Amino acid sequence: MKIARFVLKIVAFSLVAAAAVCAIIAYWDKLTALFHTAGSKLQEKKECICKSEYDDYVE
């Protein structure tokens, strides 16, 4: 009985892993767009924070 439970747990884990891989493949374009927009927003914030008030003046 213990072996059957163990085998069923392995099968369940395999199915969950396969479903996760399928979901990643199915939504790959949306995931990359999400990460790209998040990266752009972070870069935008970084430029705003790092910008000095003296950058406008030429030495």
Protein backbone atom coordinates (compact mmCIF):
# COMPACT_ATOMS: atom_id res chain seq x y z
CA MET A 1 0.00 0.00 0.00
CA LYS A 2 2.86 2.37 0.77
CA ILE A 3 4.41 1.71 -2.61
CA ALA A 4 1.12 2.52 -4.38
CA ARG A 5 0.87 5.85 -2.53
CA PHE A 6 4.45 6.65 -3.41
CA VAL A 7 3.87 5.86 -7.09
CA LEU A 8 0.70 7.97 -7.11
CA LYS A 9 2.59 10.89 -5.55
CA ILE A 10 5.25 10.63 -8.24
CA VAL A 11 2.59 10.54 -10.97
CA ALA A 12 0.79 13.54 -9.44
CA PHE A 13 4.03 15.53 -9.22
CA SER A 14 4.85 14.67 -12.82
CA LEU A 15 1.42 15.85 -13.99
CA VAL A 16 1.73 19.11 -12.06
CA ALA A 17 5.19 19.73 -13.53
CA ALA A 18 3.91 18.99 -17.05
CA ALA A 19 0.97 21.37 -16.54
CA ALA A 20 3.34 24.12 -15.37
CA VAL A 21 5.56 23.65 -18.41
CA CYS A 22 2.52 23.73 -20.72
CA ALA A 23 1.26 26.92 -19.06
CA ILE A 24 4.65 28.59 -19.49
CA ILE A 25 4.79 27.59 -23.15
CA ALA A 26 1.20 28.71 -23.78
CA TYR A 27 1.67 32.14 -22.20
CA TRP A 28 5.30 32.74 -23.18
CA ASP A 29 4.56 35.86 -25.22
CA LYS A 30 2.52 37.42 -22.42
CA LEU A 31 5.17 36.57 -19.83
CA THR A 32 7.95 38.13 -21.88
CA ALA A 33 5.84 41.24 -22.46
CA LEU A 34 5.20 41.47 -18.70
CA PHE A 35 8.90 41.20 -17.86
CA HIS A 36 9.83 43.65 -20.60
CA THR A 37 7.40 46.30 -19.37
CA ALA A 38 8.45 45.74 -15.77
CA GLY A 39 12.12 46.11 -16.77
CA SER A 40 11.34 49.28 -18.71
CA LYS A 41 9.51 50.78 -15.74
CA LEU A 42 12.36 49.92 -13.39
CA GLN A 43 14.88 51.44 -15.79
CA GLU A 44 12.70 54.55 -16.03
CA LYS A 45 12.59 54.85 -12.23
CA LYS A 46 16.34 54.30 -12.00
CA GLU A 47 17.02 57.11 -14.48
CA CYS A 48 14.72 59.41 -12.56
CA ILE A 49 16.35 58.64 -9.20
CA CYS A 50 19.92 58.88 -10.48
CA LYS A 51 19.36 62.14 -12.32
CA SER A 52 21.08 65.05 -10.65
CA GLU A 53 19.79 68.60 -10.65
CA TYR A 54 23.19 69.71 -11.98
CA ASP A 55 23.00 67.52 -15.12
CA ASP A 56 21.50 70.39 -17.09
CA TYR A 57 24.55 72.60 -16.68
CA VAL A 58 27.56 72.24 -18.94
CA GLU A 59 30.95 72.81 -17.38
